[in-house]
Amino acid sequence: MPYGIYDLVHNQGFVYVGTSSDTAAFAVDAIERWFERKDRPRFANESKLLILCDSGGSNGYRVRNWKRQLQQQLADRYGIEVMVCHYPSGDSKWNPIEHRLFSSISLNWAGKPYVPSIG
């Protein structure tokens, strides 16, 4: 399951891939791993974090575990204000991750993986 994070300001994308299903814990873990990266560009004021996401799956606007995980793993742990805005259902066309990040991943994964022959 891929989970993508796209930094609009710095035009950088990060993809986290896991073997579990699309869960709130996996989604928040991916955001936290991105936030903790030493090599990610920093912002002038990192006391607030705005997350733009679609309205389905693990980060849907009705998923209580998603909200709880964001509060515990990001807001409380790092002392930041976390704001989440959801794109309306069916409007993923406005989501920059869909266009700038996942389209390239889909093209890359469309090829056949290399499997070495043994013996």
PDB file of N, CA and C in Angstrom:
ATOM      1  N   MET A   1       0.849  -1.177   0.000  1.00  0.00           N
ATOM      2  CA  MET A   1       0.000   0.000   0.000  1.00  0.00           C
ATOM      3  C   MET A   1       0.892   1.238   0.000  1.00  0.00           C
ATOM      4  N   PRO A   2       0.803   2.090  -1.019  1.00  0.00           N
ATOM      5  CA  PRO A   2       1.591   3.329  -0.994  1.00  0.00           C
ATOM      6  C   PRO A   2       0.826   4.451  -0.292  1.00  0.00           C
ATOM      7  N   TYR A   3       1.573   5.318   0.356  1.00  0.00           N
ATOM      8  CA  TYR A   3       1.002   6.525   0.956  1.00  0.00           C
ATOM      9  C   TYR A   3       1.911   7.671   0.551  1.00  0.00           C
ATOM     10  N   GLY A   4       1.351   8.671  -0.103  1.00  0.00           N
ATOM     11  CA  GLY A   4       2.160   9.752  -0.629  1.00  0.00           C
ATOM     12  C   GLY A   4       2.015  11.046   0.129  1.00  0.00           C
ATOM     13  N   ILE A   5       3.131  11.744   0.243  1.00  0.00           N
ATOM     14  CA  ILE A   5       3.169  13.068   0.846  1.00  0.00           C
ATOM     15  C   ILE A   5       3.838  13.984  -0.168  1.00  0.00           C
ATOM     16  N   TYR A   6       3.153  15.062  -0.509  1.00  0.00           N
ATOM     17  CA  TYR A   6       3.696  15.989  -1.489  1.00  0.00           C
ATOM     18  C   TYR A   6       3.810  17.364  -0.856  1.00  0.00           C
ATOM     19  N   ASP A   7       5.007  17.904  -0.837  1.00  0.00           N
ATOM     20  CA  ASP A   7       5.294  19.230  -0.291  1.00  0.00           C
ATOM     21  C   ASP A   7       5.118  20.236  -1.427  1.00  0.00           C
ATOM     22  N   LEU A   8       3.993  20.962  -1.401  1.00  0.00           N
ATOM     23  CA  LEU A   8       3.686  21.915  -2.472  1.00  0.00           C
ATOM     24  C   LEU A   8       4.715  23.032  -2.575  1.00  0.00           C
ATOM     25  N   VAL A   9       5.166  23.541  -1.449  1.00  0.00           N
ATOM     26  CA  VAL A   9       6.083  24.684  -1.431  1.00  0.00           C
ATOM     27  C   VAL A   9       7.429  24.325  -2.059  1.00  0.00           C
ATOM     28  N   HIS A  10       7.954  23.172  -1.720  1.00  0.00           N
ATOM     29  CA  HIS A  10       9.281  22.779  -2.192  1.00  0.00           C
ATOM     30  C   HIS A  10       9.244  21.826  -3.388  1.00  0.00           C
ATOM     31  N   ASN A  11       8.036  21.497  -3.875  1.00  0.00           N
ATOM     32  CA  ASN A  11       7.856  20.619  -5.022  1.00  0.00           C
ATOM     33  C   ASN A  11       8.602  19.293  -4.839  1.00  0.00           C
ATOM     34  N   GLN A  12       8.368  18.662  -3.694  1.00  0.00           N
ATOM     35  CA  GLN A  12       9.010  17.380  -3.396  1.00  0.00           C
ATOM     36  C   GLN A  12       7.957  16.369  -2.963  1.00  0.00           C
ATOM     37  N   GLY A  13       8.114  15.166  -3.446  1.00  0.00           N
ATOM     38  CA  GLY A  13       7.196  14.094  -3.081  1.00  0.00           C
ATOM     39  C   GLY A  13       7.904  13.001  -2.325  1.00  0.00           C
ATOM     40  N   PHE A  14       7.183  12.379  -1.419  1.00  0.00           N
ATOM     41  CA  PHE A  14       7.695  11.274  -0.629  1.00  0.00           C
ATOM     42  C   PHE A  14       6.643  10.179  -0.649  1.00  0.00           C
ATOM     43  N   VAL A  15       7.068   8.950  -0.873  1.00  0.00           N
ATOM     44  CA  VAL A  15       6.146   7.820  -0.896  1.00  0.00           C
ATOM     45  C   VAL A  15       6.612   6.808   0.133  1.00  0.00           C
ATOM     46  N   TYR A  16       5.677   6.372   0.931  1.00  0.00           N
ATOM     47  CA  TYR A  16       5.936   5.341   1.931  1.00  0.00           C
ATOM     48  C   TYR A  16       5.111   4.129   1.540  1.00  0.00           C
ATOM     49  N   VAL A  17       5.757   2.984   1.462  1.00  0.00           N
ATOM     50  CA  VAL A  17       5.105   1.756   1.027  1.00  0.00           C
ATOM     51  C   VAL A  17       5.131   0.762   2.171  1.00  0.00           C
ATOM     52  N   GLY A  18       3.989   0.159   2.404  1.00  0.00           N
ATOM     53  CA  GLY A  18       3.888  -0.839   3.461  1.00  0.00           C
ATOM     54  C   GLY A  18       3.154  -2.062   2.968  1.00  0.00           C
ATOM     55  N   THR A  19       3.196  -3.098   3.749  1.00  0.00           N
ATOM     56  CA  THR A  19       2.530  -4.343   3.380  1.00  0.00           C
ATOM     57  C   THR A  19       1.164  -4.476   4.032  1.00  0.00           C
ATOM     58  N   SER A  20       0.808  -3.542   4.907  1.00  0.00           N
ATOM     59  CA  SER A  20      -0.506  -3.602   5.546  1.00  0.00           C
ATOM     60  C   SER A  20      -1.540  -2.926   4.655  1.00  0.00           C
ATOM     61  N   SER A  21      -2.777  -3.014   5.074  1.00  0.00           N
ATOM     62  CA  SER A  21      -3.826  -2.341   4.313  1.00  0.00           C
ATOM     63  C   SER A  21      -3.828  -0.847   4.640  1.00  0.00           C
ATOM     64  N   ASP A  22      -4.693  -0.121   3.977  1.00  0.00           N
ATOM     65  CA  ASP A  22      -4.785   1.329   4.128  1.00  0.00           C
ATOM     66  C   ASP A  22      -5.436   1.650   5.471  1.00  0.00           C
ATOM     67  N   THR A  23      -4.631   1.847   6.494  1.00  0.00           N
ATOM     68  CA  THR A  23      -5.147   2.113   7.831  1.00  0.00           C
ATOM     69  C   THR A  23      -4.750   3.509   8.291  1.00  0.00           C
ATOM     70  N   ALA A  24      -5.484   4.011   9.274  1.00  0.00           N
ATOM     71  CA  ALA A  24      -5.172   5.330   9.835  1.00  0.00           C
ATOM     72  C   ALA A  24      -3.784   5.330  10.462  1.00  0.00           C
ATOM     73  N   ALA A  25      -3.424   4.252  11.135  1.00  0.00           N
ATOM     74  CA  ALA A  25      -2.106   4.172  11.778  1.00  0.00           C
ATOM     75  C   ALA A  25      -0.997   4.264  10.743  1.00  0.00           C
ATOM     76  N   PHE A  26      -1.144   3.565   9.609  1.00  0.00           N
ATOM     77  CA  PHE A  26      -0.128   3.612   8.563  1.00  0.00           C
ATOM     78  C   PHE A  26      -0.021   5.010   7.976  1.00  0.00           C
ATOM     79  N   ALA A  27      -1.167   5.652   7.739  1.00  0.00           N
ATOM     80  CA  ALA A  27      -1.168   6.994   7.162  1.00  0.00           C
ATOM     81  C   ALA A  27      -0.462   7.990   8.082  1.00  0.00           C
ATOM     82  N   VAL A  28      -0.777   7.962   9.358  1.00  0.00           N
ATOM     83  CA  VAL A  28      -0.161   8.901  10.296  1.00  0.00           C
ATOM     84  C   VAL A  28       1.308   8.551  10.511  1.00  0.00           C
ATOM     85  N   ASP A  29       1.646   7.273  10.517  1.00  0.00           N
ATOM     86  CA  ASP A  29       3.061   6.884  10.618  1.00  0.00           C
ATOM     87  C   ASP A  29       3.858   7.466   9.452  1.00  0.00           C
ATOM     88  N   ALA A  30       3.285   7.426   8.250  1.00  0.00           N
ATOM     89  CA  ALA A  30       3.973   7.979   7.075  1.00  0.00           C
ATOM     90  C   ALA A  30       4.189   9.481   7.222  1.00  0.00           C
ATOM     91  N   ILE A  31       3.185  10.193   7.692  1.00  0.00           N
ATOM     92  CA  ILE A  31       3.319  11.640   7.881  1.00  0.00           C
ATOM     93  C   ILE A  31       4.357  11.938   8.960  1.00  0.00           C
ATOM     94  N   GLU A  32       4.333  11.159  10.036  1.00  0.00           N
ATOM     95  CA  GLU A  32       5.317  11.375  11.105  1.00  0.00           C
ATOM     96  C   GLU A  32       6.733  11.076  10.624  1.00  0.00           C
ATOM     97  N   ARG A  33       6.896  10.010   9.853  1.00  0.00           N
ATOM     98  CA  ARG A  33       8.227   9.690   9.314  1.00  0.00           C
ATOM     99  C   ARG A  33       8.726  10.815   8.421  1.00  0.00           C
ATOM    100  N   TRP A  34       7.827  11.394   7.616  1.00  0.00           N
ATOM    101  CA  TRP A  34       8.211  12.531   6.777  1.00  0.00           C
ATOM    102  C   TRP A  34       8.595  13.723   7.656  1.00  0.00           C
ATOM    103  N   PHE A  35       7.806  14.003   8.679  1.00  0.00           N
ATOM    104  CA  PHE A  35       8.055  15.157   9.543  1.00  0.00           C
ATOM    105  C   PHE A  35       9.394  15.026  10.267  1.00  0.00           C
ATOM    106  N   GLU A  36       9.792  13.806  10.604  1.00  0.00           N
ATOM    107  CA  GLU A  36      11.047  13.567  11.322  1.00  0.00           C
ATOM    108  C   GLU A  36      12.274  13.511  10.424  1.00  0.00           C
ATOM    109  N   ARG A  37      12.098  13.460   9.114  1.00  0.00           N
ATOM    110  CA  ARG A  37      13.243  13.358   8.197  1.00  0.00           C
ATOM    111  C   ARG A  37      14.198  14.519   8.401  1.00  0.00           C
ATOM    112  N   LYS A  38      15.463  14.216   8.509  1.00  0.00           N
ATOM    113  CA  LYS A  38      16.485  15.250   8.668  1.00  0.00           C
ATOM    114  C   LYS A  38      16.759  15.983   7.356  1.00  0.00           C
ATOM    115  N   ASP A  39      16.509  15.308   6.220  1.00  0.00           N
ATOM    116  CA  ASP A  39      16.837  15.895   4.923  1.00  0.00           C
ATOM    117  C   ASP A  39      15.672  16.617   4.252  1.00  0.00           C
ATOM    118  N   ARG A  40      14.521  16.686   4.913  1.00  0.00           N
ATOM    119  CA  ARG A  40      13.407  17.402   4.284  1.00  0.00           C
ATOM    120  C   ARG A  40      13.585  18.908   4.458  1.00  0.00           C
ATOM    121  N   PRO A  41      13.116  19.685   3.487  1.00  0.00           N
ATOM    122  CA  PRO A  41      13.213  21.141   3.633  1.00  0.00           C
ATOM    123  C   PRO A  41      12.383  21.616   4.820  1.00  0.00           C
ATOM    124  N   ARG A  42      12.866  22.618   5.488  1.00  0.00           N
ATOM    125  CA  ARG A  42      12.168  23.168   6.655  1.00  0.00           C
ATOM    126  C   ARG A  42      11.401  24.410   6.250  1.00  0.00           C
ATOM    127  N   PHE A  43      10.385  24.716   7.024  1.00  0.00           N
ATOM    128  CA  PHE A  43       9.576  25.901   6.812  1.00  0.00           C
ATOM    129  C   PHE A  43       9.932  26.929   7.869  1.00  0.00           C
ATOM    130  N   ALA A  44       9.662  28.187   7.570  1.00  0.00           N
ATOM    131  CA  ALA A  44       9.991  29.260   8.510  1.00  0.00           C
ATOM    132  C   ALA A  44       9.256  29.086   9.835  1.00  0.00           C
ATOM    133  N   ASN A  45       7.990  28.696   9.782  1.00  0.00           N
ATOM    134  CA  ASN A  45       7.201  28.521  10.996  1.00  0.00           C
ATOM    135  C   ASN A  45       6.637  27.111  11.000  1.00  0.00           C
ATOM    136  N   GLU A  46       7.235  26.230  11.772  1.00  0.00           N
ATOM    137  CA  GLU A  46       6.768  24.847  11.812  1.00  0.00           C
ATOM    138  C   GLU A  46       5.925  24.560  13.048  1.00  0.00           C
ATOM    139  N   SER A  47       5.218  25.562  13.522  1.00  0.00           N
ATOM    140  CA  SER A  47       4.325  25.335  14.655  1.00  0.00           C
ATOM    141  C   SER A  47       2.944  24.897  14.182  1.00  0.00           C
ATOM    142  N   LYS A  48       2.728  24.929  12.854  1.00  0.00           N
ATOM    143  CA  LYS A  48       1.459  24.519  12.271  1.00  0.00           C
ATOM    144  C   LYS A  48       1.732  23.621  11.074  1.00  0.00           C
ATOM    145  N   LEU A  49       0.835  22.659  10.881  1.00  0.00           N
ATOM    146  CA  LEU A  49       0.946  21.757   9.742  1.00  0.00           C
ATOM    147  C   LEU A  49      -0.428  21.642   9.102  1.00  0.00           C
ATOM    148  N   LEU A  50      -0.522  21.975   7.826  1.00  0.00           N
ATOM    149  CA  LEU A  50      -1.763  21.840   7.073  1.00  0.00           C
ATOM    150  C   LEU A  50      -1.658  20.597   6.201  1.00  0.00           C
ATOM    151  N   ILE A  51      -2.617  19.702   6.351  1.00  0.00           N
ATOM    152  CA  ILE A  51      -2.655  18.462   5.581  1.00  0.00           C
ATOM    153  C   ILE A  51      -3.860  18.517   4.657  1.00  0.00           C
ATOM    154  N   LEU A  52      -3.630  18.394   3.361  1.00  0.00           N
ATOM    155  CA  LEU A  52      -4.696  18.318   2.369  1.00  0.00           C
ATOM    156  C   LEU A  52      -4.823  16.863   1.947  1.00  0.00           C
ATOM    157  N   CYS A  53      -6.017  16.296   2.048  1.00  0.00           N
ATOM    158  CA  CYS A  53      -6.154  14.886   1.694  1.00  0.00           C
ATOM    159  C   CYS A  53      -7.514  14.611   1.072  1.00  0.00           C
ATOM    160  N   ASP A  54      -7.605  13.448   0.423  1.00  0.00           N
ATOM    161  CA  ASP A  54      -8.885  13.083  -0.161  1.00  0.00           C
ATOM    162  C   ASP A  54      -9.841  12.691   0.958  1.00  0.00           C
ATOM    163  N   SER A  55     -11.064  12.380   0.598  1.00  0.00           N
ATOM    164  CA  SER A  55     -12.055  12.140   1.643  1.00  0.00           C
ATOM    165  C   SER A  55     -12.359  10.666   1.850  1.00  0.00           C
ATOM    166  N   GLY A  56     -11.527   9.803   1.316  1.00  0.00           N
ATOM    167  CA  GLY A  56     -11.794   8.378   1.469  1.00  0.00           C
ATOM    168  C   GLY A  56     -10.629   7.635   2.091  1.00  0.00           C
ATOM    169  N   GLY A  57     -10.859   6.389   2.373  1.00  0.00           N
ATOM    170  CA  GLY A  57      -9.797   5.533   2.892  1.00  0.00           C
ATOM    171  C   GLY A  57      -9.405   5.864   4.319  1.00  0.00           C
ATOM    172  N   SER A  58      -8.145   5.658   4.607  1.00  0.00           N
ATOM    173  CA  SER A  58      -7.629   5.785   5.974  1.00  0.00           C
ATOM    174  C   SER A  58      -7.677   7.193   6.520  1.00  0.00           C
ATOM    175  N   ASN A  59      -7.631   8.198   5.658  1.00  0.00           N
ATOM    176  CA  ASN A  59      -7.609   9.580   6.126  1.00  0.00           C
ATOM    177  C   ASN A  59      -8.911  10.314   5.825  1.00  0.00           C
ATOM    178  N   GLY A  60      -9.996   9.588   5.785  1.00  0.00           N
ATOM    179  CA  GLY A  60     -11.303  10.185   5.525  1.00  0.00           C
ATOM    180  C   GLY A  60     -11.752  11.091   6.661  1.00  0.00           C
ATOM    181  N   TYR A  61     -12.653  11.983   6.348  1.00  0.00           N
ATOM    182  CA  TYR A  61     -13.085  12.963   7.345  1.00  0.00           C
ATOM    183  C   TYR A  61     -13.925  12.347   8.454  1.00  0.00           C
ATOM    184  N   ARG A  62     -14.418  11.133   8.276  1.00  0.00           N
ATOM    185  CA  ARG A  62     -15.210  10.470   9.311  1.00  0.00           C
ATOM    186  C   ARG A  62     -14.415   9.476  10.147  1.00  0.00           C
ATOM    187  N   VAL A  63     -13.181   9.236   9.791  1.00  0.00           N
ATOM    188  CA  VAL A  63     -12.377   8.215  10.466  1.00  0.00           C
ATOM    189  C   VAL A  63     -11.835   8.773  11.781  1.00  0.00           C
ATOM    190  N   ARG A  64     -12.410   8.327  12.886  1.00  0.00           N
ATOM    191  CA  ARG A  64     -12.013   8.840  14.203  1.00  0.00           C
ATOM    192  C   ARG A  64     -10.601   8.437  14.582  1.00  0.00           C
ATOM    193  N   ASN A  65     -10.200   7.228  14.204  1.00  0.00           N
ATOM    194  CA  ASN A  65      -8.845   6.774  14.539  1.00  0.00           C
ATOM    195  C   ASN A  65      -7.796   7.654  13.855  1.00  0.00           C
ATOM    196  N   TRP A  66      -8.073   8.101  12.645  1.00  0.00           N
ATOM    197  CA  TRP A  66      -7.187   9.018  11.905  1.00  0.00           C
ATOM    198  C   TRP A  66      -6.974  10.292  12.700  1.00  0.00           C
ATOM    199  N   LYS A  67      -8.072  10.851  13.205  1.00  0.00           N
ATOM    200  CA  LYS A  67      -7.994  12.095  13.976  1.00  0.00           C
ATOM    201  C   LYS A  67      -7.259  11.882  15.298  1.00  0.00           C
ATOM    202  N   ARG A  68      -7.544  10.772  15.952  1.00  0.00           N
ATOM    203  CA  ARG A  68      -6.871  10.465  17.222  1.00  0.00           C
ATOM    204  C   ARG A  68      -5.370  10.266  17.023  1.00  0.00           C
ATOM    205  N   GLN A  69      -5.004   9.536  15.964  1.00  0.00           N
ATOM    206  CA  GLN A  69      -3.586   9.294  15.677  1.00  0.00           C
ATOM    207  C   GLN A  69      -2.864  10.599  15.356  1.00  0.00           C
ATOM    208  N   LEU A  70      -3.507  11.488  14.578  1.00  0.00           N
ATOM    209  CA  LEU A  70      -2.900  12.789  14.280  1.00  0.00           C
ATOM    210  C   LEU A  70      -2.664  13.588  15.558  1.00  0.00           C
ATOM    211  N   GLN A  71      -3.644  13.558  16.441  1.00  0.00           N
ATOM    212  CA  GLN A  71      -3.525  14.299  17.697  1.00  0.00           C
ATOM    213  C   GLN A  71      -2.371  13.765  18.534  1.00  0.00           C
ATOM    214  N   GLN A  72      -2.318  12.446  18.707  1.00  0.00           N
ATOM    215  CA  GLN A  72      -1.307  11.844  19.575  1.00  0.00           C
ATOM    216  C   GLN A  72       0.088  11.859  18.968  1.00  0.00           C
ATOM    217  N   GLN A  73       0.205  11.445  17.702  1.00  0.00           N
ATOM    218  CA  GLN A  73       1.521  11.270  17.095  1.00  0.00           C
ATOM    219  C   GLN A  73       2.133  12.540  16.539  1.00  0.00           C
ATOM    220  N   LEU A  74       1.319  13.532  16.234  1.00  0.00           N
ATOM    221  CA  LEU A  74       1.867  14.772  15.672  1.00  0.00           C
ATOM    222  C   LEU A  74       1.640  15.973  16.583  1.00  0.00           C
ATOM    223  N   ALA A  75       0.379  16.296  16.831  1.00  0.00           N
ATOM    224  CA  ALA A  75       0.072  17.516  17.583  1.00  0.00           C
ATOM    225  C   ALA A  75       0.653  17.473  18.996  1.00  0.00           C
ATOM    226  N   ASP A  76       0.357  16.414  19.730  1.00  0.00           N
ATOM    227  CA  ASP A  76       0.839  16.317  21.115  1.00  0.00           C
ATOM    228  C   ASP A  76       2.342  16.090  21.189  1.00  0.00           C
ATOM    229  N   ARG A  77       2.846  15.176  20.381  1.00  0.00           N
ATOM    230  CA  ARG A  77       4.264  14.807  20.440  1.00  0.00           C
ATOM    231  C   ARG A  77       5.186  15.958  20.055  1.00  0.00           C
ATOM    232  N   TYR A  78       4.815  16.711  19.020  1.00  0.00           N
ATOM    233  CA  TYR A  78       5.694  17.771  18.516  1.00  0.00           C
ATOM    234  C   TYR A  78       5.246  19.173  18.911  1.00  0.00           C
ATOM    235  N   GLY A  79       4.125  19.271  19.605  1.00  0.00           N
ATOM    236  CA  GLY A  79       3.639  20.578  20.040  1.00  0.00           C
ATOM    237  C   GLY A  79       3.246  21.483  18.892  1.00  0.00           C
ATOM    238  N   ILE A  80       2.636  20.898  17.854  1.00  0.00           N
ATOM    239  CA  ILE A  80       2.227  21.684  16.688  1.00  0.00           C
ATOM    240  C   ILE A  80       0.705  21.633  16.530  1.00  0.00           C
ATOM    241  N   GLU A  81       0.196  22.605  15.817  1.00  0.00           N
ATOM    242  CA  GLU A  81      -1.221  22.628  15.474  1.00  0.00           C
ATOM    243  C   GLU A  81      -1.375  21.931  14.132  1.00  0.00           C
ATOM    244  N   VAL A  82      -2.205  20.904  14.087  1.00  0.00           N
ATOM    245  CA  VAL A  82      -2.418  20.141  12.859  1.00  0.00           C
ATOM    246  C   VAL A  82      -3.810  20.464  12.327  1.00  0.00           C
ATOM    247  N   MET A  83      -3.853  20.957  11.103  1.00  0.00           N
ATOM    248  CA  MET A  83      -5.120  21.271  10.446  1.00  0.00           C
ATOM    249  C   MET A  83      -5.269  20.343   9.244  1.00  0.00           C
ATOM    250  N   VAL A  84      -6.474  19.823   9.042  1.00  0.00           N
ATOM    251  CA  VAL A  84      -6.731  18.905   7.929  1.00  0.00           C
ATOM    252  C   VAL A  84      -7.866  19.453   7.080  1.00  0.00           C
ATOM    253  N   CYS A  85      -7.647  19.528   5.788  1.00  0.00           N
ATOM    254  CA  CYS A  85      -8.684  19.903   4.822  1.00  0.00           C
ATOM    255  C   CYS A  85      -8.858  18.733   3.863  1.00  0.00           C
ATOM    256  N   HIS A  86     -10.110  18.342   3.644  1.00  0.00           N
ATOM    257  CA  HIS A  86     -10.408  17.225   2.755  1.00  0.00           C
ATOM    258  C   HIS A  86     -10.979  17.729   1.438  1.00  0.00           C
ATOM    259  N   TYR A  87     -10.501  17.143   0.348  1.00  0.00           N
ATOM    260  CA  TYR A  87     -11.110  17.397  -0.946  1.00  0.00           C
ATOM    261  C   TYR A  87     -12.480  16.709  -0.955  1.00  0.00           C
ATOM    262  N   PRO A  88     -13.468  17.285  -1.626  1.00  0.00           N
ATOM    263  CA  PRO A  88     -14.781  16.634  -1.690  1.00  0.00           C
ATOM    264  C   PRO A  88     -14.693  15.287  -2.407  1.00  0.00           C
ATOM    265  N   SER A  89     -15.621  14.408  -2.117  1.00  0.00           N
ATOM    266  CA  SER A  89     -15.659  13.091  -2.774  1.00  0.00           C
ATOM    267  C   SER A  89     -15.688  13.263  -4.285  1.00  0.00           C
ATOM    268  N   GLY A  90     -14.910  12.461  -4.966  1.00  0.00           N
ATOM    269  CA  GLY A  90     -14.867  12.504  -6.420  1.00  0.00           C
ATOM    270  C   GLY A  90     -14.038  13.627  -7.007  1.00  0.00           C
ATOM    271  N   ASP A  91     -13.423  14.426  -6.177  1.00  0.00           N
ATOM    272  CA  ASP A  91     -12.624  15.551  -6.675  1.00  0.00           C
ATOM    273  C   ASP A  91     -11.129  15.337  -6.502  1.00  0.00           C
ATOM    274  N   SER A  92     -10.690  14.105  -6.619  1.00  0.00           N
ATOM    275  CA  SER A  92      -9.260  13.844  -6.499  1.00  0.00           C
ATOM    276  C   SER A  92      -8.477  14.488  -7.643  1.00  0.00           C
ATOM    277  N   LYS A  93      -9.191  14.929  -8.682  1.00  0.00           N
ATOM    278  CA  LYS A  93      -8.514  15.604  -9.793  1.00  0.00           C
ATOM    279  C   LYS A  93      -7.840  16.898  -9.347  1.00  0.00           C
ATOM    280  N   TRP A  94      -8.278  17.456  -8.218  1.00  0.00           N
ATOM    281  CA  TRP A  94      -7.674  18.670  -7.698  1.00  0.00           C
ATOM    282  C   TRP A  94      -6.525  18.374  -6.746  1.00  0.00           C
ATOM    283  N   ASN A  95      -6.360  17.127  -6.388  1.00  0.00           N
ATOM    284  CA  ASN A  95      -5.326  16.724  -5.446  1.00  0.00           C
ATOM    285  C   ASN A  95      -3.982  16.637  -6.170  1.00  0.00           C
ATOM    286  N   PRO A  96      -2.995  17.465  -5.802  1.00  0.00           N
ATOM    287  CA  PRO A  96      -1.709  17.459  -6.523  1.00  0.00           C
ATOM    288  C   PRO A  96      -0.949  16.143  -6.411  1.00  0.00           C
ATOM    289  N   ILE A  97      -1.207  15.366  -5.376  1.00  0.00           N
ATOM    290  CA  ILE A  97      -0.533  14.071  -5.256  1.00  0.00           C
ATOM    291  C   ILE A  97      -0.948  13.159  -6.403  1.00  0.00           C
ATOM    292  N   GLU A  98      -2.242  13.186  -6.734  1.00  0.00           N
ATOM    293  CA  GLU A  98      -2.729  12.338  -7.817  1.00  0.00           C
ATOM    294  C   GLU A  98      -2.038  12.660  -9.135  1.00  0.00           C
ATOM    295  N   HIS A  99      -1.779  13.921  -9.392  1.00  0.00           N
ATOM    296  CA  HIS A  99      -1.197  14.332 -10.671  1.00  0.00           C
ATOM    297  C   HIS A  99       0.326  14.293 -10.681  1.00  0.00           C
ATOM    298  N   ARG A 100       0.936  14.807  -9.660  1.00  0.00           N
ATOM    299  CA  ARG A 100       2.391  14.972  -9.681  1.00  0.00           C
ATOM    300  C   ARG A 100       3.153  13.784  -9.134  1.00  0.00           C
ATOM    301  N   LEU A 101       2.513  12.969  -8.324  1.00  0.00           N
ATOM    302  CA  LEU A 101       3.245  11.899  -7.670  1.00  0.00           C
ATOM    303  C   LEU A 101       2.786  10.525  -8.135  1.00  0.00           C
ATOM    304  N   PHE A 102       1.511  10.216  -7.978  1.00  0.00           N
ATOM    305  CA  PHE A 102       1.055   8.859  -8.242  1.00  0.00           C
ATOM    306  C   PHE A 102       1.008   8.519  -9.722  1.00  0.00           C
ATOM    307  N   SER A 103       0.872   9.504 -10.588  1.00  0.00           N
ATOM    308  CA  SER A 103       0.888   9.190 -12.016  1.00  0.00           C
ATOM    309  C   SER A 103       2.251   8.627 -12.417  1.00  0.00           C
ATOM    310  N   SER A 104       3.314   9.196 -11.894  1.00  0.00           N
ATOM    311  CA  SER A 104       4.667   8.691 -12.189  1.00  0.00           C
ATOM    312  C   SER A 104       4.879   7.312 -11.589  1.00  0.00           C
ATOM    313  N   ILE A 105       4.373   7.103 -10.395  1.00  0.00           N
ATOM    314  CA  ILE A 105       4.505   5.796  -9.750  1.00  0.00           C
ATOM    315  C   ILE A 105       3.755   4.739 -10.555  1.00  0.00           C
ATOM    316  N   SER A 106       2.544   5.055 -10.997  1.00  0.00           N
ATOM    317  CA  SER A 106       1.749   4.097 -11.777  1.00  0.00           C
ATOM    318  C   SER A 106       2.458   3.727 -13.071  1.00  0.00           C
ATOM    319  N   LEU A 107       3.055   4.700 -13.737  1.00  0.00           N
ATOM    320  CA  LEU A 107       3.797   4.410 -14.964  1.00  0.00           C
ATOM    321  C   LEU A 107       4.992   3.514 -14.676  1.00  0.00           C
ATOM    322  N   ASN A 108       5.683   3.772 -13.586  1.00  0.00           N
ATOM    323  CA  ASN A 108       6.838   2.969 -13.220  1.00  0.00           C
ATOM    324  C   ASN A 108       6.426   1.541 -12.874  1.00  0.00           C
ATOM    325  N   TRP A 109       5.351   1.393 -12.122  1.00  0.00           N
ATOM    326  CA  TRP A 109       4.914   0.065 -11.686  1.00  0.00           C
ATOM    327  C   TRP A 109       4.213  -0.709 -12.788  1.00  0.00           C
ATOM    328  N   ALA A 110       3.908  -0.049 -13.913  1.00  0.00           N
ATOM    329  CA  ALA A 110       3.229  -0.741 -15.011  1.00  0.00           C
ATOM    330  C   ALA A 110       4.146  -1.742 -15.697  1.00  0.00           C
ATOM    331  N   GLY A 111       5.452  -1.570 -15.569  1.00  0.00           N
ATOM    332  CA  GLY A 111       6.406  -2.490 -16.163  1.00  0.00           C
ATOM    333  C   GLY A 111       6.480  -3.782 -15.382  1.00  0.00           C
ATOM    334  N   LYS A 112       7.089  -4.785 -15.986  1.00  0.00           N
ATOM    335  CA  LYS A 112       7.253  -6.061 -15.296  1.00  0.00           C
ATOM    336  C   LYS A 112       8.469  -5.990 -14.388  1.00  0.00           C
ATOM    337  N   PRO A 113       8.317  -6.442 -13.147  1.00  0.00           N
ATOM    338  CA  PRO A 113       9.469  -6.409 -12.240  1.00  0.00           C
ATOM    339  C   PRO A 113      10.551  -7.402 -12.685  1.00  0.00           C
ATOM    340  N   TYR A 114      11.769  -7.074 -12.407  1.00  0.00           N
ATOM    341  CA  TYR A 114      12.895  -7.948 -12.726  1.00  0.00           C
ATOM    342  C   TYR A 114      12.949  -9.095 -11.742  1.00  0.00           C
ATOM    343  N   VAL A 115      12.931 -10.298 -12.258  1.00  0.00           N
ATOM    344  CA  VAL A 115      13.037 -11.487 -11.427  1.00  0.00           C
ATOM    345  C   VAL A 115      14.260 -12.261 -11.914  1.00  0.00           C
ATOM    346  N   PRO A 116      15.319 -12.305 -11.107  1.00  0.00           N
ATOM    347  CA  PRO A 116      16.531 -13.000 -11.558  1.00  0.00           C
ATOM    348  C   PRO A 116      16.294 -14.495 -11.661  1.00  0.00           C
ATOM    349  N   SER A 117      16.895 -15.098 -12.660  1.00  0.00           N
ATOM    350  CA  SER A 117      16.783 -16.566 -12.793  1.00  0.00           C
ATOM    351  C   SER A 117      17.784 -17.218 -11.855  1.00  0.00           C
ATOM    352  N   ILE A 118      17.390 -18.306 -11.309  1.00  0.00           N
ATOM    353  CA  ILE A 118      18.247 -19.044 -10.366  1.00  0.00           C
ATOM    354  C   ILE A 118      18.812 -20.261 -11.078  1.00  0.00           C
ATOM    355  N   GLY A 119      20.138 -20.434 -10.960  1.00  0.00           N
ATOM    356  CA  GLY A 119      20.793 -21.625 -11.439  1.00  0.00           C
ATOM    357  C   GLY A 119      21.230 -21.526 -12.813  1.00  0.00           C
TER     358      GLY A 119
END
